[in-house]
Protein backbone atom coordinates (compact mmCIF):
# COMPACT_ATOMS: atom_id res chain seq x y z
CA MET A 1 -40.10 -291.42 -209.63
CA SER A 2 -39.47 -289.67 -206.64
CA VAL A 3 -38.21 -285.84 -206.22
CA ILE A 4 -34.77 -287.22 -204.91
CA ASP A 5 -34.95 -289.20 -208.42
CA ARG A 6 -35.31 -286.48 -210.63
CA PHE A 7 -33.34 -283.99 -209.48
CA PHE A 8 -30.29 -286.74 -209.65
CA PHE A 9 -30.77 -287.63 -213.03
CA ASN A 10 -31.09 -283.88 -214.16
CA ASP A 11 -28.04 -282.56 -212.11
CA ALA A 12 -25.78 -285.68 -212.16
CA ASN A 13 -23.47 -285.47 -215.33
CA LEU A 14 -24.01 -288.81 -216.63
CA ASP A 15 -21.58 -289.20 -219.42
CA PHE A 16 -18.83 -289.19 -216.81
CA THR A 17 -20.02 -291.61 -214.19
CA THR A 18 -17.44 -291.27 -211.44
CA MET A 19 -20.01 -291.84 -208.32
CA SER A 20 -19.05 -293.46 -204.90
CA ALA A 21 -21.18 -293.47 -201.34
CA ALA A 22 -20.47 -294.19 -197.72
CA ALA A 23 -22.85 -294.56 -194.44
CA ASP A 24 -21.58 -292.94 -191.26
CA PRO A 25 -23.20 -294.19 -188.50
CA ILE A 26 -21.75 -292.07 -186.34
CA ARG A 27 -23.83 -288.93 -187.59
CA LYS A 28 -26.70 -291.10 -189.25
CA MET A 29 -26.23 -290.04 -192.65
CA ILE A 30 -25.37 -291.99 -196.11
CA MET A 31 -23.98 -289.90 -198.51
CA TRP A 32 -23.63 -290.10 -202.63
CA ASN A 33 -20.82 -288.24 -204.09
CA TYR A 34 -21.03 -287.62 -208.16
CA LEU A 35 -20.39 -285.46 -211.01
CA SER A 36 -22.62 -282.24 -211.51
CA THR A 37 -23.55 -280.92 -214.90
CA ASP A 38 -22.06 -277.98 -213.56
CA GLY A 39 -18.60 -279.53 -213.06
CA THR A 40 -18.34 -279.62 -209.22
CA ARG A 41 -18.62 -282.53 -207.27
CA LYS A 42 -21.73 -282.51 -204.99
CA LEU A 43 -22.75 -285.06 -202.04
CA ILE A 44 -26.77 -285.98 -201.79
CA VAL A 45 -26.99 -286.68 -198.12
CA TYR A 46 -29.73 -288.51 -196.18
CA ASN A 47 -30.45 -288.60 -192.50
CA PHE A 48 -31.88 -291.89 -191.62
CA THR A 49 -33.24 -290.47 -188.01
CA ILE A 50 -35.12 -287.61 -189.19
CA GLY A 51 -35.92 -288.51 -192.97
CA LYS A 52 -34.64 -285.67 -194.20
CA TRP A 53 -32.05 -284.95 -197.90
CA SER A 54 -29.83 -282.20 -198.20
CA LEU A 55 -27.26 -281.20 -200.95
CA MET A 56 -23.40 -279.96 -200.18
CA GLU A 57 -20.11 -279.45 -202.67
CA THR A 58 -16.98 -280.93 -201.87
CA THR A 59 -13.56 -281.30 -203.68
CA SER A 60 -13.28 -285.54 -202.96
CA ASP A 61 -13.51 -287.44 -205.80
CA TYR A 62 -14.91 -290.54 -203.57
CA ILE A 63 -16.02 -290.83 -200.21
CA SER A 64 -15.71 -293.91 -198.13
CA ASP A 65 -15.88 -295.07 -194.48
CA ALA A 66 -12.36 -295.87 -192.95
CA SER A 67 -10.25 -296.27 -190.05
CA THR A 68 -7.10 -294.15 -189.18
CA ALA A 69 -3.98 -296.03 -189.35
CA SER A 70 -1.46 -295.36 -186.72
CA VAL A 71 1.02 -292.58 -186.89
CA THR A 72 4.59 -292.48 -184.99
CA VAL A 73 6.51 -289.11 -184.36
CA GLU A 74 8.86 -290.09 -187.03
CA GLN A 75 6.11 -290.05 -189.66
CA LEU A 76 4.59 -286.69 -188.61
CA ASP A 77 6.85 -285.32 -191.61
CA SER A 78 5.17 -287.04 -194.52
CA ILE A 79 1.78 -285.23 -192.99
CA ASN A 80 3.52 -281.79 -193.25
CA ALA A 81 6.61 -280.13 -193.36
CA SER A 82 6.66 -278.57 -190.15
CA ILE A 83 4.96 -279.95 -186.42
CA ASP A 84 3.38 -276.25 -185.99
CA ALA A 85 1.31 -276.67 -189.31
CA LEU A 86 -0.10 -280.21 -188.33
CA PRO A 87 -3.75 -279.58 -189.19
CA VAL A 88 -4.75 -281.37 -186.41
CA SER A 89 -3.30 -281.71 -182.60
CA LEU A 90 -0.81 -284.09 -181.50
CA ASP A 91 -3.55 -286.04 -179.02
CA SER A 92 -5.85 -286.37 -181.77
CA ALA A 93 -7.46 -289.67 -182.15
CA LEU A 94 -6.08 -289.50 -186.04
CA TYR A 95 -2.76 -290.61 -184.77
CA ALA A 96 -3.90 -293.54 -182.71
CA GLY A 97 -5.23 -295.36 -185.07
CA GLY A 98 -7.85 -297.70 -185.45
CA LYS A 99 -10.62 -294.85 -185.13
CA TYR A 100 -13.43 -294.64 -187.34
CA PHE A 101 -13.69 -291.61 -190.06
CA LEU A 102 -15.86 -290.53 -192.92
CA GLY A 103 -13.41 -289.59 -195.91
CA GLY A 104 -12.70 -289.33 -199.18
CA THR A 105 -9.81 -288.54 -201.48
CA ASP A 106 -9.22 -285.38 -203.91
CA GLY A 107 -6.57 -285.84 -206.18
CA THR A 108 -3.36 -288.48 -204.37
CA ARG A 109 -4.84 -287.16 -200.91
CA VAL A 110 -6.66 -288.37 -198.10
CA ILE A 111 -9.15 -286.21 -196.51
CA THR A 112 -11.58 -285.84 -194.03
CA PHE A 113 -14.66 -284.05 -193.14
CA THR A 114 -13.47 -282.14 -190.20
CA GLY A 115 -13.74 -278.64 -191.22
CA ALA A 116 -15.70 -275.70 -190.31
CA ASN A 117 -19.55 -276.43 -190.42
CA LYS A 118 -20.68 -274.20 -194.02
CA SER A 119 -23.53 -271.80 -193.23
CA ALA A 120 -26.81 -273.75 -194.31
CA VAL A 121 -29.21 -272.69 -197.13
CA LEU A 122 -32.59 -274.19 -197.23
CA GLU A 123 -35.31 -273.41 -200.23
CA THR A 124 -38.54 -274.14 -200.76
CA GLY A 125 -40.58 -275.56 -203.73
CA ASP A 126 -42.89 -273.00 -205.78
CA ILE A 127 -45.73 -271.62 -203.98
CA ASP A 128 -48.40 -271.08 -206.18
CA ALA A 129 -50.92 -268.82 -205.12
CA GLY A 130 -52.36 -267.23 -208.25
CA ARG A 131 -51.29 -263.44 -208.92
CA SER A 132 -50.16 -262.14 -205.46
CA ILE A 133 -47.72 -260.10 -203.81
CA VAL A 134 -45.29 -262.14 -200.72
CA MET A 135 -45.30 -259.28 -198.00
CA LEU A 136 -43.61 -261.18 -195.11
CA ALA A 137 -41.76 -264.03 -193.82
CA ARG A 138 -41.26 -265.16 -190.58
CA PRO A 139 -38.53 -267.60 -189.97
CA LEU A 140 -39.20 -270.33 -188.06
CA VAL A 141 -35.68 -271.58 -186.25
CA ASP A 142 -34.90 -272.67 -183.17
CA ASN A 143 -32.67 -270.58 -180.95
CA GLY A 144 -32.00 -268.28 -183.83
CA SER A 145 -33.29 -266.56 -186.76
CA ALA A 146 -32.41 -266.04 -190.88
CA SER A 147 -32.43 -263.79 -193.63
CA VAL A 148 -34.87 -264.06 -196.40
CA SER A 149 -34.65 -263.93 -200.40
CA VAL A 150 -37.32 -264.55 -202.39
CA ALA A 151 -38.00 -265.07 -206.59
CA SER A 152 -41.31 -264.48 -207.82
CA ARG A 153 -41.98 -265.54 -211.58
CA THR A 154 -45.41 -265.62 -213.85
CA LEU A 155 -44.73 -268.38 -215.84
CA LEU A 156 -42.71 -271.18 -214.80
CA THR A 157 -40.33 -271.08 -217.99
CA GLN A 158 -39.21 -267.72 -216.56
CA SER A 159 -35.78 -268.00 -214.98
CA LEU A 160 -35.12 -267.50 -210.95
CA SER A 161 -33.58 -264.53 -210.17
CA PHE A 162 -33.61 -263.90 -206.31
CA SER A 163 -34.08 -260.84 -204.43
CA ASN A 164 -31.23 -259.75 -202.26
CA ALA A 165 -31.34 -261.60 -198.85
CA ALA A 166 -33.13 -259.25 -195.78
CA THR A 167 -32.77 -260.21 -192.47
CA ALA A 168 -34.96 -260.41 -189.68
CA ASP A 169 -35.99 -257.53 -187.13
CA ALA A 170 -36.14 -257.57 -183.72
CA ASP A 171 -39.69 -259.24 -183.87
CA ASN A 172 -38.48 -261.82 -186.19
CA ARG A 173 -40.10 -260.01 -188.92
CA VAL A 174 -38.67 -260.29 -192.26
CA SER A 175 -40.20 -257.22 -194.95
CA LEU A 176 -40.28 -258.23 -198.23
CA ARG A 177 -42.33 -257.62 -201.88
CA SER A 178 -42.02 -259.56 -204.37
CA SER A 179 -45.08 -259.96 -207.11
CA GLY A 180 -45.93 -263.24 -209.36
CA LYS A 181 -47.86 -266.13 -209.69
CA TYR A 182 -44.91 -268.31 -208.40
CA HIS A 183 -42.94 -267.69 -205.64
CA ARG A 184 -39.77 -269.73 -204.11
CA LEU A 185 -38.22 -268.34 -200.90
CA ARG A 186 -34.62 -269.15 -199.58
CA MET A 187 -33.16 -268.59 -195.96
CA GLN A 188 -29.98 -268.77 -194.39
CA PRO A 189 -30.46 -269.43 -190.47
CA THR A 190 -28.37 -267.39 -188.37
CA GLY A 191 -26.86 -267.38 -185.12
CA ASP A 192 -23.88 -269.13 -183.01
CA ASN A 193 -26.63 -271.40 -181.27
CA TRP A 194 -29.14 -272.44 -183.64
CA LYS A 195 -30.10 -276.03 -184.00
CA THR A 196 -33.07 -276.39 -186.23
CA ALA A 197 -34.55 -274.94 -189.06
CA MET A 198 -38.14 -275.91 -189.19
CA GLY A 199 -39.29 -273.02 -192.33
CA LEU A 200 -40.92 -270.16 -192.98
CA ASP A 201 -44.21 -268.53 -191.88
CA VAL A 202 -45.01 -266.45 -195.17
CA ASP A 203 -47.80 -263.74 -195.91
CA ILE A 204 -48.90 -263.52 -199.35
CA VAL A 205 -51.48 -260.99 -200.61
CA GLN A 206 -53.96 -261.50 -203.88
CA GLN A 207 -53.07 -258.74 -206.70
CA GLY A 208 -55.61 -257.32 -208.49
CA ILE A 209 -55.69 -257.62 -212.33
CA ARG A 210 -56.16 -254.25 -214.15
């Protein structure tokens, strides 16, 4: 069983099996929508161009690829009570019809994923370095930087507790001090123009035993 399979079967509410999937050929992604054990609906996303997985939360009950229907000026009232409050401009392709879009349903409404970008959060697996201290992290973000937090544990049975996120300094170094045997780091890329977050360089020093 793969890591993705294990994550899904641990996270999905298998007693409430309302699951849907859709492909987005424009963004080169495949998405699976499911109900999580914490009561939220989530999207597992696979980008088949770069071969990477990601996880998102959503309000949609189901997702699907579809084509837009044409909308006349007289029908705009069915979208919103006021022409000034329309969600997209009048020259949007959504009103022309026949245009591909990835969308879904939220109750009785059809929704599209056209909102502002969410902040990305990347998290490592557990780093087993023996009894040690995480001292420093250097975010590897193309055309940007990141804030970083760390969670350290002595035993894997202990719960995770991440530190407050620390921002990188002018030299792109994030000072940390967290002791344990297993370390997990979380970073949130920052900057208006970053495109690719590749990972972290981490300085870990061994800790003596008294």
